Amino acid sequence: MSDIRTLHWYESAADNQSIAANGWRFQVAKSVATANAAPTFNIVWQSQGIAPATDISWKVEYALNWTAQVPASGVKVTVGGAWQQCNKGDSYDLNEHGYWVPSATPAGPDGAGWLNVGAINYSYPGVLGIHIVVGVKNNETGRFEPIFLDLSTLPEGSSAKYQPLETVSWWLEANDLTGQVFHSTKSRSTTYDFTNPSNPVTGDFEWSTSFTMLGGKWVIAPGPVPQALRGPPRSAKLPFLSIGGEDPLLLELDLGSWLVSFAVPLSVAALGAAATALYNKLKSQFKELKVVVVGTDGTKLKLTYKPGSAPGTLEQLGFPLGAPGPAGTIDGALKDLQKTNVIPQKETWTISAGTASLGSSNGSLPSSQPESKINGNSNGHGYGPGAIDQNSNTFVASHQPKSPFLQQGYSQNTVQAQHA
């Protein structure tokens, strides 16, 4: 499993122009928990200028440093020592000269999963104590960069522990804020947890995000930026349905291919009739639809269509997780065919896309997908972790389920029948 996380930021030409006109940059922050506080964001880790696509990646490797002063909001953090790489569970002391050394006493069981500061044996002249800085390794540069500043003063003789998390927040704001302390943002932010793979089959940790100026929402989808999204700008006339709150839109990319697998084999004639009836029922909703029989065991139908044309897709980006989407539309059509006896009454099926099963054993989609956990609370559906409701002005994650997405309308497409 990879120790590299990647966030791709992309924008259409139209949104790119609007963002540039506002003078905004892409601001990114990572969270760290302390023994006495919830996960907190207080340093801008990266600030990137506008571009059609920007890649930000980091290794799950962290380090400790220190500073003698807490800068005011908007001022860059200046570290006072050398970075000390620290694996979770390890413990380091700061000696009398301000250098990191392995702790005389290793961390106990309560230090597992934490970066432990065993003892502060250093006294900086003129201040009551120092402040610990936590850094992450930039995968592009190989250098450690600040992501968190402990606002608590640690005098000589104290100890502390820190838990870097893979929860990341990002937003748009003017100026290069890299390394600066912040307490609030000036535009809508979103927060997402990168702990679990975006694709559990390949083990990749890779997501793409975009800000839709028309709706004022962040969009998040698993995987790299699709080539189609680097093309012409979205039309300003396309509808955008707001879901309210600060939740991002979590999308599953629409690849235009689904497999229906029946539990009980059908005869050649029955499977052919089901393919024809399914095509006729869905042809107005999926552009360039084809329904074909797969294999000779009488159990599989494959549906292919132009990616991005399925019901529920958002501006040809993908379909929202938790919404009916294309799989739900196909499932509903199969149920209708079962009511008219095109498909046997006791037949059951599953619907899958690629290697990810979205079906169940009772002929309908499951009411919930596998869940991920963030600090013990479950939320989200499908690949990767769920969204976190994020107040745009307070960077303390509340870890609540995202609001349900209301499916938007879609155009009707008429095509010629193609089936087997």
Protein backbone atom coordinates (compact mmCIF):
# COMPACT_ATOMS: atom_id res chain seq x y z
CA MET A 1 0.00 0.00 0.00
CA SER A 2 1.38 3.38 -1.00
CA ASP A 3 2.60 5.87 1.59
CA ILE A 4 1.99 8.74 -0.87
CA ARG A 5 -1.20 10.81 -0.92
CA THR A 6 -2.05 13.02 -3.91
CA LEU A 7 -4.60 15.77 -4.39
CA HIS A 8 -5.21 17.03 -7.95
CA TRP A 9 -6.76 20.47 -8.30
CA TYR A 10 -8.28 21.16 -11.71
CA GLU A 11 -10.46 23.92 -13.12
CA SER A 12 -12.34 24.43 -16.36
CA ALA A 13 -11.28 27.36 -18.54
CA ALA A 14 -14.33 29.39 -17.47
CA ASP A 15 -13.84 28.83 -13.74
CA ASN A 16 -10.09 29.31 -14.16
CA GLN A 17 -10.68 32.79 -15.55
CA SER A 18 -13.05 33.71 -12.71
CA ILE A 19 -10.63 32.48 -10.04
CA ALA A 20 -7.75 34.37 -11.64
CA ALA A 21 -9.87 37.55 -11.85
CA ASN A 22 -10.42 37.35 -8.09
CA GLY A 23 -6.71 36.93 -7.48
CA TRP A 24 -7.29 33.69 -5.61
CA ARG A 25 -4.81 30.89 -4.96
CA PHE A 26 -5.34 27.29 -3.89
CA GLN A 27 -4.64 27.07 -0.15
CA VAL A 28 -4.08 23.67 1.53
CA ALA A 29 -3.79 22.75 5.22
CA LYS A 30 -3.29 19.43 7.07
CA SER A 31 -4.57 18.58 10.52
CA VAL A 32 -2.76 17.44 13.65
CA ALA A 33 -4.26 16.32 16.96
CA THR A 34 -2.67 16.92 20.35
CA ALA A 35 -3.22 15.08 23.61
CA ASN A 36 -5.58 17.81 24.79
CA ALA A 37 -7.24 19.02 21.60
CA ALA A 38 -9.31 17.88 18.65
CA PRO A 39 -7.73 17.74 15.16
CA THR A 40 -6.75 21.29 14.29
CA PHE A 41 -5.57 23.20 11.22
CA ASN A 42 -3.52 26.33 11.93
CA ILE A 43 -0.77 26.56 9.27
CA VAL A 44 -1.23 26.90 5.52
CA TRP A 45 0.89 24.05 4.21
CA GLN A 46 0.79 24.96 0.49
CA SER A 47 -0.44 27.89 -1.58
CA GLN A 48 -0.61 27.28 -5.33
CA GLY A 49 -1.33 29.71 -8.15
CA ILE A 50 -4.11 29.14 -10.67
CA ALA A 51 -3.47 26.56 -13.39
CA PRO A 52 -5.61 24.14 -15.41
CA ALA A 53 -4.37 21.30 -13.17
CA THR A 54 -2.12 21.28 -10.11
CA ASP A 55 -0.78 18.19 -8.29
CA ILE A 56 -0.05 18.25 -4.56
CA SER A 57 1.39 15.13 -2.96
CA TRP A 58 2.92 14.16 0.33
CA LYS A 59 4.47 11.13 1.96
CA VAL A 60 3.05 9.82 5.21
CA GLU A 61 6.29 10.82 6.92
CA TYR A 62 6.36 13.41 9.67
CA ALA A 63 8.95 15.32 11.65
CA LEU A 64 9.37 17.49 14.75
CA ASN A 65 10.87 20.95 15.06
CA TRP A 66 10.46 23.94 17.35
CA THR A 67 10.17 27.70 17.41
CA ALA A 68 10.62 30.25 20.17
CA GLN A 69 7.86 32.60 19.00
CA VAL A 70 4.21 32.26 18.01
CA PRO A 71 3.72 34.54 15.01
CA ALA A 72 0.56 36.56 14.57
CA SER A 73 -2.07 35.36 12.12
CA GLY A 74 -0.80 35.89 8.58
CA VAL A 75 2.86 35.70 9.56
CA LYS A 76 5.08 32.83 8.45
CA VAL A 77 6.32 30.31 11.01
CA THR A 78 10.11 30.31 11.42
CA VAL A 79 11.55 27.12 12.88
CA GLY A 80 14.42 27.40 15.33
CA GLY A 81 15.98 23.98 15.05
CA ALA A 82 16.59 21.12 12.65
CA TRP A 83 13.87 18.77 11.46
CA GLN A 84 13.83 15.41 13.24
CA GLN A 85 11.95 12.72 11.33
CA CYS A 86 9.73 10.87 13.78
CA ASN A 87 7.68 7.76 13.14
CA LYS A 88 4.47 7.30 15.04
CA GLY A 89 5.28 5.68 18.35
CA ASP A 90 8.83 7.07 18.46
CA SER A 91 9.98 9.51 21.13
CA TYR A 92 12.62 12.27 21.02
CA ASP A 93 13.98 14.68 23.60
CA LEU A 94 15.18 18.22 22.95
CA ASN A 95 18.60 18.42 24.62
CA GLU A 96 20.10 21.41 26.43
CA HIS A 97 21.55 22.73 23.15
CA GLY A 98 18.26 22.64 21.21
CA TYR A 99 18.98 19.45 19.24
CA TRP A 100 16.76 16.39 18.99
CA VAL A 101 18.05 13.13 20.49
CA PRO A 102 16.31 9.77 21.05
CA SER A 103 14.42 9.82 24.33
CA ALA A 104 16.13 8.33 27.33
CA THR A 105 12.85 6.56 28.09
CA PRO A 106 10.88 5.16 25.11
CA ALA A 107 7.20 6.05 24.78
CA GLY A 108 4.79 3.73 26.55
CA PRO A 109 1.60 2.16 25.15
CA ASP A 110 -0.23 5.49 25.31
CA GLY A 111 2.34 6.91 22.89
CA ALA A 112 1.60 4.42 20.10
CA GLY A 113 0.37 6.25 17.01
CA TRP A 114 1.82 9.56 18.21
CA LEU A 115 4.95 11.62 17.63
CA ASN A 116 6.24 11.85 21.17
CA VAL A 117 8.33 14.60 22.74
CA GLY A 118 9.72 12.82 25.78
CA ALA A 119 11.35 15.77 27.51
CA ILE A 120 12.16 19.41 26.82
CA ASN A 121 15.63 20.00 28.28
CA TYR A 122 16.21 23.25 26.42
CA SER A 123 15.59 26.80 27.58
CA TYR A 124 15.53 29.54 24.93
CA PRO A 125 16.71 32.91 26.23
CA GLY A 126 14.04 35.50 26.92
CA VAL A 127 10.95 33.27 26.64
CA LEU A 128 9.03 31.08 29.05
CA GLY A 129 9.23 28.07 26.77
CA ILE A 130 9.27 26.84 23.19
CA HIS A 131 6.52 25.74 20.79
CA ILE A 132 6.60 22.45 18.87
CA VAL A 133 6.18 22.49 15.08
CA VAL A 134 5.05 19.37 13.17
CA GLY A 135 6.03 18.95 9.52
CA VAL A 136 5.12 16.64 6.65
CA LYS A 137 7.41 15.49 3.81
CA ASN A 138 6.62 17.13 0.48
CA ASN A 139 6.76 14.31 -2.07
CA GLU A 140 7.99 16.65 -4.82
CA THR A 141 10.86 18.27 -2.92
CA GLY A 142 11.64 15.59 -0.33
CA ARG A 143 11.76 18.31 2.34
CA PHE A 144 9.77 18.59 5.55
CA GLU A 145 7.42 21.57 5.67
CA PRO A 146 5.40 22.97 8.62
CA ILE A 147 1.75 21.92 8.93
CA PHE A 148 1.03 22.58 12.61
CA LEU A 149 2.17 24.90 15.39
CA ASP A 150 1.46 24.03 19.02
CA LEU A 151 0.24 27.27 20.58
CA SER A 152 0.96 25.90 24.06
CA THR A 153 4.19 27.07 25.64
CA LEU A 154 6.42 24.15 26.69
CA PRO A 155 8.89 25.15 29.41
CA GLU A 156 11.96 23.16 30.34
CA GLY A 157 10.99 19.77 31.79
CA SER A 158 7.71 19.38 29.84
CA SER A 159 6.62 16.69 27.40
CA ALA A 160 4.01 16.42 24.65
CA LYS A 161 2.67 14.21 21.90
CA TYR A 162 1.18 14.88 18.46
CA GLN A 163 -0.85 12.80 16.02
CA PRO A 164 -0.68 13.92 12.37
CA LEU A 165 -3.86 12.96 10.53
CA GLU A 166 -4.55 12.52 6.82
CA THR A 167 -7.43 14.99 7.01
CA VAL A 168 -6.86 17.85 4.59
CA SER A 169 -8.68 21.17 4.10
CA TRP A 170 -8.49 23.45 1.10
CA TRP A 171 -10.00 26.72 -0.05
CA LEU A 172 -9.43 29.70 -2.36
CA GLU A 173 -7.91 32.90 -1.03
CA ALA A 174 -5.69 35.70 -2.29
CA ASN A 175 -1.91 35.85 -1.72
CA ASP A 176 0.75 33.24 -1.16
CA LEU A 177 0.04 32.08 2.41
CA THR A 178 2.56 29.21 2.50
CA GLY A 179 3.75 28.54 6.05
CA GLN A 180 1.57 31.24 7.61
CA VAL A 181 -0.50 30.83 10.75
CA PHE A 182 -4.24 31.27 10.21
CA HIS A 183 -7.40 31.08 12.29
CA SER A 184 -10.11 31.47 9.64
CA THR A 185 -10.55 31.48 5.88
CA LYS A 186 -12.01 34.13 3.59
CA SER A 187 -13.89 31.76 1.29
CA ARG A 188 -15.73 28.45 1.46
CA SER A 189 -13.46 25.59 2.46
CA THR A 190 -13.90 21.85 2.31
CA THR A 191 -12.35 19.04 4.33
CA TYR A 192 -11.65 15.45 3.32
CA ASP A 193 -9.98 12.46 4.96
CA PHE A 194 -7.23 10.75 2.93
CA THR A 195 -6.72 7.86 5.36
CA ASN A 196 -8.33 5.14 3.22
CA PRO A 197 -7.49 4.33 -0.43
CA SER A 198 -9.42 6.06 -3.18
CA ASN A 199 -9.32 2.69 -4.94
CA PRO A 200 -9.10 -0.32 -2.58
CA VAL A 201 -8.16 -2.62 -5.46
CA THR A 202 -5.00 -0.76 -6.53
CA GLY A 203 -4.30 0.69 -3.09
CA ASP A 204 -3.93 4.20 -4.55
CA PHE A 205 -4.55 7.31 -2.44
CA GLU A 206 -5.44 9.83 -5.12
CA TRP A 207 -8.30 12.31 -5.41
CA SER A 208 -9.26 15.19 -7.69
CA THR A 209 -11.08 18.37 -6.71
CA SER A 210 -12.55 21.37 -8.48
CA PHE A 211 -14.47 24.49 -7.44
CA THR A 212 -17.61 25.21 -9.44
CA MET A 213 -18.02 28.98 -9.51
CA LEU A 214 -21.64 28.75 -10.66
CA GLY A 215 -22.75 26.74 -7.65
CA GLY A 216 -20.06 27.78 -5.19
CA LYS A 217 -19.26 24.17 -4.32
CA TRP A 218 -16.19 21.98 -4.17
CA VAL A 219 -16.36 18.73 -6.14
CA ILE A 220 -14.30 15.70 -5.06
CA ALA A 221 -13.79 12.52 -7.12
CA PRO A 222 -11.50 9.52 -6.65
CA GLY A 223 -8.51 9.05 -8.97
CA PRO A 224 -6.54 11.38 -11.22
CA VAL A 225 -8.07 14.20 -13.22
CA PRO A 226 -9.92 12.62 -16.19
CA GLN A 227 -8.62 13.80 -19.54
CA ALA A 228 -12.12 14.92 -20.49
CA LEU A 229 -12.11 17.46 -17.67
CA ARG A 230 -9.07 19.20 -19.14
CA GLY A 231 -11.07 20.06 -22.24
CA PRO A 232 -13.53 22.87 -23.11
CA PRO A 233 -15.07 24.93 -20.32
CA ARG A 234 -18.42 24.04 -18.85
CA SER A 235 -21.32 26.06 -20.15
CA ALA A 236 -22.57 28.74 -17.79
CA LYS A 237 -26.10 27.76 -18.85
CA LEU A 238 -25.84 24.30 -17.30
CA PRO A 239 -27.94 23.96 -14.15
CA PHE A 240 -26.24 23.47 -10.81
CA LEU A 241 -28.24 22.06 -7.93
CA SER A 242 -27.08 23.24 -4.52
CA ILE A 243 -27.27 20.73 -1.68
CA GLY A 244 -26.89 23.34 1.05
CA GLY A 245 -24.42 23.56 3.91
CA GLU A 246 -20.67 23.32 3.46
CA ASP A 247 -20.58 19.72 2.23
CA PRO A 248 -18.54 18.97 -0.90
CA LEU A 249 -20.03 16.95 -3.73
CA LEU A 250 -18.48 13.50 -3.56
CA LEU A 251 -18.44 11.94 -7.00
CA GLU A 252 -17.86 8.52 -8.45
CA LEU A 253 -16.45 8.91 -11.97
CA ASP A 254 -18.91 7.67 -14.59
CA LEU A 255 -17.01 5.23 -16.83
CA GLY A 256 -20.06 4.34 -18.92
CA SER A 257 -19.95 0.58 -18.25
CA TRP A 258 -22.03 -1.59 -15.91
CA LEU A 259 -22.46 -5.35 -15.55
CA VAL A 260 -25.72 -7.00 -14.46
CA SER A 261 -25.21 -10.50 -13.03
CA PHE A 262 -28.25 -12.70 -12.44
CA ALA A 263 -28.16 -15.25 -9.61
CA VAL A 264 -30.20 -17.85 -11.52
CA PRO A 265 -29.19 -18.48 -15.17
CA LEU A 266 -31.74 -17.51 -17.84
CA SER A 267 -32.31 -19.29 -21.11
CA VAL A 268 -30.77 -17.83 -24.25
CA ALA A 269 -34.19 -16.57 -25.37
CA ALA A 270 -35.05 -15.12 -21.96
CA LEU A 271 -31.71 -13.34 -21.59
CA GLY A 272 -31.99 -11.92 -25.10
CA ALA A 273 -35.51 -10.70 -24.38
CA ALA A 274 -34.30 -9.10 -21.15
CA ALA A 275 -31.48 -7.34 -23.03
CA THR A 276 -33.90 -5.95 -25.62
CA ALA A 277 -36.43 -4.82 -23.03
CA LEU A 278 -33.74 -3.24 -20.84
CA TYR A 279 -32.34 -1.34 -23.81
CA ASN A 280 -35.77 -0.03 -24.82
CA LYS A 281 -36.45 1.11 -21.26
CA LEU A 282 -33.14 2.96 -20.82
CA LYS A 283 -32.23 4.21 -24.31
CA SER A 284 -33.67 7.68 -23.67
CA GLN A 285 -31.62 8.11 -20.52
CA PHE A 286 -28.16 6.84 -21.56
CA LYS A 287 -26.52 8.32 -24.65
CA GLU A 288 -25.27 5.77 -27.24
CA LEU A 289 -26.48 2.89 -25.08
CA LYS A 290 -25.64 -0.72 -25.91
CA VAL A 291 -26.92 -3.78 -24.02
CA VAL A 292 -25.16 -7.06 -24.83
CA VAL A 293 -25.12 -10.61 -23.49
CA VAL A 294 -21.79 -11.57 -21.90
CA GLY A 295 -20.60 -15.18 -21.83
CA THR A 296 -22.65 -18.32 -22.37
CA ASP A 297 -23.81 -19.13 -18.86
CA GLY A 298 -27.00 -17.07 -19.16
CA THR A 299 -26.24 -14.79 -16.20
CA LYS A 300 -24.68 -11.56 -17.46
CA LEU A 301 -25.68 -8.43 -19.37
CA LYS A 302 -23.27 -5.59 -20.06
CA LEU A 303 -24.46 -2.01 -20.53
CA THR A 304 -22.15 0.56 -22.15
CA TYR A 305 -22.86 4.18 -23.04
CA LYS A 306 -21.14 7.51 -23.49
CA PRO A 307 -19.43 8.35 -20.16
CA GLY A 308 -20.97 11.31 -18.40
CA SER A 309 -24.40 10.94 -20.02
CA ALA A 310 -26.05 8.82 -17.31
CA PRO A 311 -28.83 10.08 -15.05
CA GLY A 312 -27.47 11.90 -12.04
CA THR A 313 -24.14 12.93 -13.57
CA LEU A 314 -23.08 16.45 -12.71
CA GLU A 315 -21.83 18.49 -15.66
CA GLN A 316 -20.31 15.29 -17.10
CA LEU A 317 -18.03 14.95 -14.07
CA GLY A 318 -19.55 11.88 -12.46
CA PHE A 319 -22.46 10.90 -10.25
CA PRO A 320 -22.80 11.80 -6.57
CA LEU A 321 -22.16 9.09 -4.00
CA GLY A 322 -25.34 8.22 -2.15
CA ALA A 323 -27.56 9.33 -5.06
CA PRO A 324 -29.45 6.88 -7.30
CA GLY A 325 -27.10 7.54 -10.22
CA PRO A 326 -26.78 5.16 -13.18
CA ALA A 327 -26.70 1.96 -11.10
CA GLY A 328 -29.92 2.95 -9.36
CA THR A 329 -31.53 3.77 -12.69
CA ILE A 330 -30.55 0.36 -14.10
CA ASP A 331 -31.77 -1.37 -10.96
CA GLY A 332 -35.14 0.39 -11.19
CA ALA A 333 -35.53 -0.65 -14.82
CA LEU A 334 -34.81 -4.30 -13.95
CA LYS A 335 -37.44 -4.18 -11.21
CA ASP A 336 -39.96 -2.83 -13.72
CA LEU A 337 -39.12 -5.68 -16.10
CA GLN A 338 -39.62 -8.13 -13.25
CA LYS A 339 -43.10 -6.73 -12.61
CA THR A 340 -44.06 -7.46 -16.22
CA ASN A 341 -42.52 -10.97 -16.07
CA VAL A 342 -39.76 -10.21 -18.59
CA ILE A 343 -37.47 -11.25 -15.75
CA PRO A 344 -38.65 -14.10 -13.50
CA GLN A 345 -40.32 -12.94 -10.26
CA LYS A 346 -37.86 -14.77 -8.00
CA GLU A 347 -34.76 -13.70 -9.91
CA THR A 348 -32.12 -11.64 -8.09
CA TRP A 349 -29.13 -9.74 -9.47
CA THR A 350 -26.13 -7.59 -8.68
CA ILE A 351 -24.96 -4.49 -10.54
CA SER A 352 -21.24 -3.77 -10.68
CA ALA A 353 -18.94 -1.19 -12.22
CA GLY A 354 -15.44 -2.42 -12.99
CA THR A 355 -14.25 -4.25 -9.86
CA ALA A 356 -16.47 -2.40 -7.39
CA SER A 357 -19.71 -4.19 -6.61
CA LEU A 358 -22.67 -1.88 -6.05
CA GLY A 359 -25.34 -4.55 -5.89
CA SER A 360 -26.99 -6.80 -3.38
CA SER A 361 -28.43 -10.29 -3.32
CA ASN A 362 -32.09 -9.29 -3.30
CA GLY A 363 -32.41 -7.57 -6.64
CA SER A 364 -31.95 -4.05 -5.35
CA LEU A 365 -29.14 -1.68 -4.48
CA PRO A 366 -27.94 -1.79 -0.88
CA SER A 367 -29.20 0.98 1.37
CA SER A 368 -25.66 1.83 2.43
CA GLN A 369 -22.15 1.26 1.12
CA PRO A 370 -19.16 0.18 3.24
CA GLU A 371 -18.38 2.93 5.71
CA SER A 372 -15.12 4.52 6.78
CA LYS A 373 -14.38 5.87 10.21
CA ILE A 374 -12.92 9.19 11.23
CA ASN A 375 -12.12 9.42 14.94
CA GLY A 376 -14.61 6.65 15.67
CA ASN A 377 -17.53 8.14 13.72
CA SER A 378 -18.73 6.51 10.54
CA ASN A 379 -19.69 8.50 7.49
CA GLY A 380 -19.51 8.43 3.73
CA HIS A 381 -20.15 5.81 1.09
CA GLY A 382 -18.25 3.93 -1.61
CA TYR A 383 -14.53 4.27 -2.32
CA GLY A 384 -12.47 6.09 0.24
CA PRO A 385 -13.65 8.02 3.29
CA GLY A 386 -16.72 10.16 3.62
CA ALA A 387 -17.03 13.91 3.75
CA ILE A 388 -16.74 15.96 6.88
CA ASP A 389 -19.13 18.84 7.43
CA GLN A 390 -16.79 21.79 7.64
CA ASN A 391 -17.63 25.22 8.94
CA SER A 392 -15.96 27.60 6.50
CA ASN A 393 -14.65 29.86 9.25
CA THR A 394 -13.64 27.42 11.99
CA PHE A 395 -10.99 24.80 11.36
CA VAL A 396 -12.02 22.18 13.91
CA ALA A 397 -13.55 19.22 12.08
CA SER A 398 -16.94 18.18 13.40
CA HIS A 399 -16.93 14.76 11.70
CA GLN A 400 -20.62 14.66 10.81
CA PRO A 401 -22.29 12.86 7.87
CA LYS A 402 -22.71 14.93 4.75
CA SER A 403 -26.10 16.11 3.57
CA PRO A 404 -27.93 13.93 1.01
CA PHE A 405 -27.54 14.95 -2.61
CA LEU A 406 -30.73 15.67 -4.55
CA GLN A 407 -30.46 14.23 -8.05
CA GLN A 408 -30.54 16.83 -10.80
CA GLY A 409 -32.32 16.48 -14.11
CA TYR A 410 -30.73 15.15 -17.28
CA SER A 411 -31.36 15.49 -20.99
CA GLN A 412 -33.20 12.88 -23.03
CA ASN A 413 -31.20 11.13 -25.77
CA THR A 414 -32.71 9.07 -28.57
CA VAL A 415 -30.45 6.48 -30.25
CA GLN A 416 -30.80 3.45 -32.47
CA ALA A 417 -31.38 0.06 -30.86
CA GLN A 418 -28.23 -2.03 -30.43
CA HIS A 419 -28.36 -5.28 -28.50
CA ALA A 420 -27.50 -8.94 -28.72
